[in-house]
C-alpha atoms as a PDB file:
ATOM      1  CA  MET A   1     -35.074 -12.468   6.474  1.00  0.00           C
ATOM      2  CA  ARG A   2     -34.135  -9.494   3.861  1.00  0.00           C
ATOM      3  CA  VAL A   3     -32.644 -10.649   0.623  1.00  0.00           C
ATOM      4  CA  PHE A   4     -30.589  -8.015  -1.375  1.00  0.00           C
ATOM      5  CA  VAL A   5     -29.501  -8.908  -4.643  1.00  0.00           C
ATOM      6  CA  ALA A   6     -26.923  -6.190  -6.342  1.00  0.00           C
ATOM      7  CA  ASP A   7     -28.213  -4.456  -9.917  1.00  0.00           C
ATOM      8  CA  HIS A   8     -25.583  -2.596 -10.685  1.00  0.00           C
ATOM      9  CA  PRO A   9     -23.398  -2.414 -14.020  1.00  0.00           C
ATOM     10  CA  LEU A  10     -20.058  -2.353 -12.595  1.00  0.00           C
ATOM     11  CA  ILE A  11     -21.020  -5.213 -10.134  1.00  0.00           C
ATOM     12  CA  THR A  12     -22.421  -7.569 -13.230  1.00  0.00           C
ATOM     13  CA  HIS A  13     -19.110  -6.448 -15.249  1.00  0.00           C
ATOM     14  CA  LYS A  14     -16.604  -7.647 -12.857  1.00  0.00           C
ATOM     15  CA  LEU A  15     -18.794 -11.230 -11.987  1.00  0.00           C
ATOM     16  CA  SER A  16     -18.676 -11.712 -15.988  1.00  0.00           C
ATOM     17  CA  VAL A  17     -15.129 -11.623 -15.408  1.00  0.00           C
ATOM     18  CA  LEU A  18     -14.736 -13.426 -12.523  1.00  0.00           C
ATOM     19  CA  ARG A  19     -17.079 -16.503 -14.241  1.00  0.00           C
ATOM     20  CA  ASP A  20     -14.911 -16.418 -17.145  1.00  0.00           C
ATOM     21  CA  LYS A  21     -12.422 -19.490 -16.860  1.00  0.00           C
ATOM     22  CA  ASN A  22      -9.787 -18.178 -18.202  1.00  0.00           C
ATOM     23  CA  THR A  23      -9.269 -15.090 -15.570  1.00  0.00           C
ATOM     24  CA  PRO A  24      -5.892 -15.495 -13.826  1.00  0.00           C
ATOM     25  CA  GLN A  25      -5.893 -15.975 -10.512  1.00  0.00           C
ATOM     26  CA  PRO A  26      -4.309 -12.379  -9.422  1.00  0.00           C
ATOM     27  CA  THR A  27      -7.171 -11.087 -11.198  1.00  0.00           C
ATOM     28  CA  PHE A  28      -9.681 -13.377  -9.631  1.00  0.00           C
ATOM     29  CA  LYS A  29      -8.236 -11.888  -6.455  1.00  0.00           C
ATOM     30  CA  LEU A  30      -8.301  -8.447  -7.280  1.00  0.00           C
ATOM     31  CA  LEU A  31     -11.795  -8.684  -8.830  1.00  0.00           C
ATOM     32  CA  ILE A  32     -12.898 -10.399  -5.649  1.00  0.00           C
ATOM     33  CA  ASP A  33     -11.554  -7.948  -3.332  1.00  0.00           C
ATOM     34  CA  GLU A  34     -13.165  -5.021  -5.555  1.00  0.00           C
ATOM     35  CA  LEU A  35     -16.424  -6.934  -5.263  1.00  0.00           C
ATOM     36  CA  MET A  36     -16.626  -6.917  -1.893  1.00  0.00           C
ATOM     37  CA  THR A  37     -16.055  -3.127  -1.566  1.00  0.00           C
ATOM     38  CA  LEU A  38     -19.327  -2.471  -3.732  1.00  0.00           C
ATOM     39  CA  LEU A  39     -21.167  -5.445  -1.911  1.00  0.00           C
ATOM     40  CA  ALA A  40     -20.162  -4.187   1.614  1.00  0.00           C
ATOM     41  CA  TYR A  41     -21.319  -0.674   0.734  1.00  0.00           C
ATOM     42  CA  GLU A  42     -24.959  -2.097   0.602  1.00  0.00           C
ATOM     43  CA  ALA A  43     -24.493  -4.534   3.361  1.00  0.00           C
ATOM     44  CA  THR A  44     -23.430  -1.862   5.467  1.00  0.00           C
ATOM     45  CA  ARG A  45     -26.535   0.789   5.104  1.00  0.00           C
ATOM     46  CA  GLU A  46     -27.851  -0.512   8.538  1.00  0.00           C
ATOM     47  CA  VAL A  47     -24.795  -0.776  10.249  1.00  0.00           C
ATOM     48  CA  ARG A  48     -25.360   0.517  13.590  1.00  0.00           C
ATOM     49  CA  VAL A  49     -24.199   4.643  14.466  1.00  0.00           C
ATOM     50  CA  GLU A  50     -24.850   7.316  17.028  1.00  0.00           C
ATOM     51  CA  PRO A  51     -24.387  10.991  16.890  1.00  0.00           C
ATOM     52  CA  PHE A  52     -21.541  12.903  17.871  1.00  0.00           C
ATOM     53  CA  GLU A  53     -19.998  16.679  17.950  1.00  0.00           C
ATOM     54  CA  VAL A  54     -17.513  17.900  15.499  1.00  0.00           C
ATOM     55  CA  GLU A  55     -16.183  20.718  14.679  1.00  0.00           C
ATOM     56  CA  THR A  56     -15.082  21.989  11.230  1.00  0.00           C
ATOM     57  CA  PRO A  57     -12.998  24.720  10.474  1.00  0.00           C
ATOM     58  CA  VAL A  58     -16.220  26.922   9.672  1.00  0.00           C
ATOM     59  CA  ALA A  59     -18.874  25.956  13.111  1.00  0.00           C
ATOM     60  CA  LYS A  60     -19.659  22.903  14.976  1.00  0.00           C
ATOM     61  CA  THR A  61     -21.947  20.110  13.685  1.00  0.00           C
ATOM     62  CA  MET A  62     -23.521  17.115  14.634  1.00  0.00           C
ATOM     63  CA  GLY A  63     -21.989  14.031  12.850  1.00  0.00           C
ATOM     64  CA  VAL A  64     -22.062   9.759  13.229  1.00  0.00           C
ATOM     65  CA  HIS A  65     -19.452   7.094  14.294  1.00  0.00           C
ATOM     66  CA  LEU A  66     -19.986   3.758  14.580  1.00  0.00           C
ATOM     67  CA  SER A  67     -21.610   2.277  17.781  1.00  0.00           C
ATOM     68  CA  GLU A  68     -19.991   0.058  20.564  1.00  0.00           C
ATOM     69  CA  PRO A  69     -19.836  -2.647  20.513  1.00  0.00           C
ATOM     70  CA  ARG A  70     -18.100  -2.166  17.044  1.00  0.00           C
ATOM     71  CA  PRO A  71     -19.092  -4.332  14.145  1.00  0.00           C
ATOM     72  CA  LEU A  72     -17.874  -7.795  14.039  1.00  0.00           C
ATOM     73  CA  VAL A  73     -16.959  -9.098  10.816  1.00  0.00           C
ATOM     74  CA  VAL A  74     -16.092 -12.662  10.332  1.00  0.00           C
ATOM     75  CA  PRO A  75     -15.233 -14.498   7.264  1.00  0.00           C
ATOM     76  CA  ILE A  76     -15.813 -18.163   6.957  1.00  0.00           C
ATOM     77  CA  LEU A  77     -12.510 -19.889   5.924  1.00  0.00           C
ATOM     78  CA  ARG A  78     -10.513 -20.229   3.338  1.00  0.00           C
ATOM     79  CA  ALA A  79     -12.604 -18.388   0.872  1.00  0.00           C
ATOM     80  CA  GLY A  80     -14.169 -15.995   2.806  1.00  0.00           C
ATOM     81  CA  LEU A  81     -10.989 -14.492   3.706  1.00  0.00           C
ATOM     82  CA  GLY A  82     -10.532 -13.220   0.036  1.00  0.00           C
ATOM     83  CA  MET A  83     -12.989 -10.874   0.437  1.00  0.00           C
ATOM     84  CA  LEU A  84     -11.986  -9.298   4.492  1.00  0.00           C
ATOM     85  CA  ASP A  85      -9.547  -6.669   3.039  1.00  0.00           C
ATOM     86  CA  GLY A  86     -12.580  -5.322   0.757  1.00  0.00           C
ATOM     87  CA  MET A  87     -14.812  -4.871   3.666  1.00  0.00           C
ATOM     88  CA  VAL A  88     -12.362  -3.596   6.309  1.00  0.00           C
ATOM     89  CA  ARG A  89     -11.642  -0.837   3.937  1.00  0.00           C
ATOM     90  CA  LEU A  90     -15.119   0.360   4.179  1.00  0.00           C
ATOM     91  CA  VAL A  91     -15.138  -0.329   7.839  1.00  0.00           C
ATOM     92  CA  PRO A  92     -11.559   0.196   8.961  1.00  0.00           C
ATOM     93  CA  THR A  93     -12.746   0.134  13.059  1.00  0.00           C
ATOM     94  CA  ALA A  94     -14.480  -3.437  12.996  1.00  0.00           C
ATOM     95  CA  GLU A  95     -13.307  -6.185  14.465  1.00  0.00           C
ATOM     96  CA  VAL A  96     -12.648  -9.081  12.935  1.00  0.00           C
ATOM     97  CA  GLY A  97     -13.133 -13.164  14.018  1.00  0.00           C
ATOM     98  CA  PHE A  98     -12.854 -16.383  12.166  1.00  0.00           C
ATOM     99  CA  LEU A  99     -15.393 -19.169  11.267  1.00  0.00           C
ATOM    100  CA  GLY A 100     -14.061 -22.311   9.927  1.00  0.00           C
ATOM    101  CA  MET A 101     -16.721 -24.194   8.084  1.00  0.00           C
ATOM    102  CA  ALA A 102     -16.512 -27.377   6.107  1.00  0.00           C
ATOM    103  CA  ARG A 103     -19.320 -29.210   4.244  1.00  0.00           C
ATOM    104  CA  ASP A 104     -18.828 -32.823   4.209  1.00  0.00           C
ATOM    105  CA  GLU A 105     -19.112 -34.113   0.351  1.00  0.00           C
ATOM    106  CA  GLU A 106     -21.087 -37.339   0.952  1.00  0.00           C
ATOM    107  CA  THR A 107     -23.696 -35.614   3.083  1.00  0.00           C
ATOM    108  CA  LEU A 108     -23.394 -31.864   2.059  1.00  0.00           C
ATOM    109  CA  GLN A 109     -23.628 -31.273   6.145  1.00  0.00           C
ATOM    110  CA  PRO A 110     -21.516 -27.977   7.630  1.00  0.00           C
ATOM    111  CA  THR A 111     -18.987 -28.688  10.551  1.00  0.00           C
ATOM    112  CA  THR A 112     -17.178 -26.302  12.361  1.00  0.00           C
ATOM    113  CA  TYR A 113     -13.138 -27.016  12.277  1.00  0.00           C
ATOM    114  CA  ALA A 114     -12.320 -23.437  13.662  1.00  0.00           C
ATOM    115  CA  GLU A 115     -13.081 -20.590  15.559  1.00  0.00           C
ATOM    116  CA  ARG A 116     -11.968 -17.198  16.527  1.00  0.00           C
ATOM    117  CA  LEU A 117     -14.171 -15.050  18.206  1.00  0.00           C
ATOM    118  CA  PRO A 118     -14.081 -12.409  20.697  1.00  0.00           C
ATOM    119  CA  ASP A 119     -14.942 -13.780  24.023  1.00  0.00           C
ATOM    120  CA  SER A 120     -17.861 -12.170  24.388  1.00  0.00           C
ATOM    121  CA  VAL A 121     -20.217 -11.582  20.896  1.00  0.00           C
ATOM    122  CA  ASP A 122     -23.543 -10.502  23.150  1.00  0.00           C
ATOM    123  CA  GLY A 123     -25.596  -7.843  20.870  1.00  0.00           C
ATOM    124  CA  ARG A 124     -23.207  -7.943  18.475  1.00  0.00           C
ATOM    125  CA  GLN A 125     -24.001  -6.678  14.626  1.00  0.00           C
ATOM    126  CA  CYS A 126     -22.064  -9.044  12.486  1.00  0.00           C
ATOM    127  CA  PHE A 127     -21.195  -9.230   8.825  1.00  0.00           C
ATOM    128  CA  VAL A 128     -20.677 -12.880   7.480  1.00  0.00           C
ATOM    129  CA  LEU A 129     -18.515 -13.461   4.876  1.00  0.00           C
ATOM    130  CA  ASP A 130     -18.185 -16.247   2.196  1.00  0.00           C
ATOM    131  CA  PRO A 131     -18.622 -16.015  -1.372  1.00  0.00           C
ATOM    132  CA  MET A 132     -20.638 -18.743  -2.650  1.00  0.00           C
ATOM    133  CA  LEU A 133     -23.998 -19.651  -1.402  1.00  0.00           C
ATOM    134  CA  ALA A 134     -24.747 -23.195  -2.870  1.00  0.00           C
ATOM    135  CA  THR A 135     -26.891 -25.468  -0.583  1.00  0.00           C
ATOM    136  CA  GLY A 136     -26.419 -22.932   2.255  1.00  0.00           C
ATOM    137  CA  GLY A 137     -25.377 -25.599   4.733  1.00  0.00           C
ATOM    138  CA  SER A 138     -21.915 -24.168   5.701  1.00  0.00           C
ATOM    139  CA  LEU A 139     -23.492 -20.290   5.918  1.00  0.00           C
ATOM    140  CA  ALA A 140     -26.773 -21.275   7.968  1.00  0.00           C
ATOM    141  CA  GLY A 141     -24.118 -23.354  10.154  1.00  0.00           C
ATOM    142  CA  ALA A 142     -22.311 -19.935  10.636  1.00  0.00           C
ATOM    143  CA  ILE A 143     -25.268 -17.813  11.198  1.00  0.00           C
ATOM    144  CA  LYS A 144     -26.857 -20.592  13.958  1.00  0.00           C
ATOM    145  CA  PHE A 145     -22.864 -20.287  15.530  1.00  0.00           C
ATOM    146  CA  LEU A 146     -22.822 -16.585  16.078  1.00  0.00           C
ATOM    147  CA  PHE A 147     -26.493 -16.167  17.475  1.00  0.00           C
ATOM    148  CA  ASP A 148     -25.864 -19.311  19.722  1.00  0.00           C
ATOM    149  CA  ARG A 149     -22.877 -17.149  20.905  1.00  0.00           C
ATOM    150  CA  GLY A 150     -25.286 -14.091  21.620  1.00  0.00           C
ATOM    151  CA  ALA A 151     -25.408 -11.676  18.240  1.00  0.00           C
ATOM    152  CA  ASP A 152     -28.881 -10.394  17.810  1.00  0.00           C
ATOM    153  CA  ASP A 153     -28.031  -9.493  13.764  1.00  0.00           C
ATOM    154  CA  VAL A 154     -26.371 -11.211  11.208  1.00  0.00           C
ATOM    155  CA  THR A 155     -25.873  -9.832   7.331  1.00  0.00           C
ATOM    156  CA  ALA A 156     -24.117 -12.382   5.276  1.00  0.00           C
ATOM    157  CA  ILE A 157     -22.432 -11.275   1.991  1.00  0.00           C
ATOM    158  CA  CYS A 158     -21.829 -13.622  -0.979  1.00  0.00           C
ATOM    159  CA  VAL A 159     -20.520 -12.890  -4.585  1.00  0.00           C
ATOM    160  CA  LEU A 160     -23.240 -15.469  -5.597  1.00  0.00           C
ATOM    161  CA  GLY A 161     -26.417 -17.223  -4.763  1.00  0.00           C
ATOM    162  CA  THR A 162     -28.739 -20.003  -5.495  1.00  0.00           C
ATOM    163  CA  PRO A 163     -32.630 -20.031  -5.091  1.00  0.00           C
ATOM    164  CA  GLU A 164     -32.129 -23.410  -2.990  1.00  0.00           C
ATOM    165  CA  GLY A 165     -29.535 -21.445  -0.877  1.00  0.00           C
ATOM    166  CA  VAL A 166     -31.749 -18.217  -0.048  1.00  0.00           C
ATOM    167  CA  GLU A 167     -34.462 -20.895   1.010  1.00  0.00           C
ATOM    168  CA  ALA A 168     -31.939 -22.828   3.459  1.00  0.00           C
ATOM    169  CA  ILE A 169     -30.770 -19.630   4.953  1.00  0.00           C
ATOM    170  CA  ARG A 170     -34.707 -18.435   5.387  1.00  0.00           C
ATOM    171  CA  GLU A 171     -35.186 -21.355   7.107  1.00  0.00           C
ATOM    172  CA  ALA A 172     -32.564 -21.147   9.182  1.00  0.00           C
ATOM    173  CA  ALA A 173     -33.206 -17.815  10.025  1.00  0.00           C
ATOM    174  CA  GLY A 174     -36.825 -17.809  11.500  1.00  0.00           C
ATOM    175  CA  ASP A 175     -37.700 -14.570  12.964  1.00  0.00           C
ATOM    176  CA  ARG A 176     -34.224 -13.697  13.974  1.00  0.00           C
ATOM    177  CA  ASN A 177     -32.479 -10.572  12.406  1.00  0.00           C
ATOM    178  CA  VAL A 178     -30.822 -12.022   9.141  1.00  0.00           C
ATOM    179  CA  THR A 179     -29.880 -10.100   6.093  1.00  0.00           C
ATOM    180  CA  LEU A 180     -28.570 -11.556   2.710  1.00  0.00           C
ATOM    181  CA  VAL A 181     -26.605  -9.536   0.604  1.00  0.00           C
ATOM    182  CA  LEU A 182     -25.600 -11.309  -2.985  1.00  0.00           C
ATOM    183  CA  GLY A 183     -23.806 -10.271  -6.105  1.00  0.00           C
ATOM    184  CA  ALA A 184     -26.014 -12.540  -8.436  1.00  0.00           C
ATOM    185  CA  LEU A 185     -28.727 -14.980  -8.161  1.00  0.00           C
ATOM    186  CA  ASP A 186     -28.231 -17.622  -9.953  1.00  0.00           C
ATOM    187  CA  GLU A 187     -29.742 -20.615 -11.772  1.00  0.00           C
ATOM    188  CA  GLY A 188     -29.528 -23.313  -8.990  1.00  0.00           C
ATOM    189  CA  LEU A 189     -27.180 -26.289  -8.337  1.00  0.00           C
ATOM    190  CA  ASN A 190     -25.972 -29.410 -10.502  1.00  0.00           C
ATOM    191  CA  GLU A 191     -25.621 -32.707  -8.874  1.00  0.00           C
ATOM    192  CA  LYS A 192     -22.699 -31.987  -7.097  1.00  0.00           C
ATOM    193  CA  ALA A 193     -24.330 -29.193  -5.616  1.00  0.00           C
ATOM    194  CA  TYR A 194     -22.364 -26.703  -7.480  1.00  0.00           C
ATOM    195  CA  ILE A 195     -23.425 -23.204  -8.649  1.00  0.00           C
ATOM    196  CA  VAL A 196     -24.571 -23.145 -12.007  1.00  0.00           C
ATOM    197  CA  PRO A 197     -22.993 -21.109 -14.062  1.00  0.00           C
ATOM    198  CA  GLY A 198     -21.233 -19.986 -10.900  1.00  0.00           C
ATOM    199  CA  LEU A 199     -17.882 -19.333 -11.202  1.00  0.00           C
ATOM    200  CA  GLY A 200     -15.890 -22.742 -10.114  1.00  0.00           C
ATOM    201  CA  ASP A 201     -14.775 -23.227  -6.287  1.00  0.00           C
ATOM    202  CA  ALA A 202     -14.325 -19.393  -5.300  1.00  0.00           C
ATOM    203  CA  GLY A 203     -11.325 -20.850  -2.561  1.00  0.00           C
ATOM    204  CA  ASP A 204      -8.914 -22.895  -5.532  1.00  0.00           C
ATOM    205  CA  ARG A 205      -9.477 -19.838  -7.668  1.00  0.00           C
ATOM    206  CA  LEU A 206      -8.364 -17.561  -4.736  1.00  0.00           C
ATOM    207  CA  TYR A 207      -5.240 -19.521  -4.125  1.00  0.00           C
ATOM    208  CA  GLY A 208      -4.459 -20.944  -7.383  1.00  0.00           C
ATOM    209  CA  THR A 209      -4.920 -24.539  -6.344  1.00  0.00           C
ATOM    210  CA  VAL A 210      -6.410 -25.204  -9.904  1.00  0.00           C
ATOM    211  CA  ASP A 211      -5.314 -24.984 -13.350  1.00  0.00           C
ATOM    212  CA  HIS A 212      -7.948 -22.504 -14.353  1.00  0.00           C
END
């Protein structure tokens, strides 16, 4: 498994504002969108392309376009939806699917409660969007789900991650083709399995369901 932790002053700046508990919901949502576009730039370095001939106003030359089948972008509901626009802005021809993954707060294990994917994921390059990589259970479940459906390359994009989460994904990935792209790698988890220092519950802050 390949792990890339972004090291860019703009990403660090935007993350700092996201972490602030006083950042209002509209600003939080906008920053997640902007961060996603920056992270997507890094995450798509190995996106599959094929050559084609293009004619400029001056001469013919060779360019590239995305290969078929097109990349599949899969936000994990609900918080992953806040990252979707930033991703498809960069890759507008990508196909979009959805996975609903929930964590049992007692066992901390993931369950799949909804899925909307193409009939065939065989041979697809997939990009999974999930803001918070905490224990890694939900993301590992989503990655396994996609490989079981036939995907052969999965890149997961997260705003924040933890060492515990990274190791969980590494163990789940095995020898499969998995890349993990993080905006930052935080210290770890507290006793409630929340990321420290983190930024709180990304879904709640995205959709205004908390007071801060």
